[in-house]
Amino acid sequence: MDRYLNWLREQLSAERGVRSAE
């Protein structure tokens, strides 16, 4: 499940300009 959440966060972060991409 973590992989899915990580992927989802990456998609959302990418859409926001990688705002919370560490």
Protein backbone atom coordinates (compact mmCIF):
# COMPACT_ATOMS: atom_id res chain seq x y z
CA MET A 1 0.00 0.00 0.00
CA ASP A 2 2.91 2.33 0.70
CA ARG A 3 4.02 2.13 -2.92
CA TYR A 4 0.59 3.28 -4.05
CA LEU A 5 0.58 6.18 -1.59
CA ASN A 6 4.09 7.18 -2.61
CA TRP A 7 3.11 7.08 -6.28
CA LEU A 8 -0.01 9.09 -5.59
CA ARG A 9 1.96 11.70 -3.65
CA GLU A 10 4.45 11.93 -6.50
CA GLN A 11 1.64 12.55 -8.98
CA LEU A 12 0.09 15.27 -6.82
CA SER A 13 3.48 16.82 -6.08
CA ALA A 14 4.38 16.83 -9.78
CA GLU A 15 1.13 18.63 -10.58
CA ARG A 16 1.89 21.25 -7.96
CA GLY A 17 5.43 21.80 -9.24
CA VAL A 18 7.06 19.27 -6.94
CA ARG A 19 6.25 21.34 -3.91
CA SER A 20 6.55 18.52 -1.38
CA ALA A 21 8.98 16.24 -3.19
CA GLU A 22 11.38 16.23 -0.26
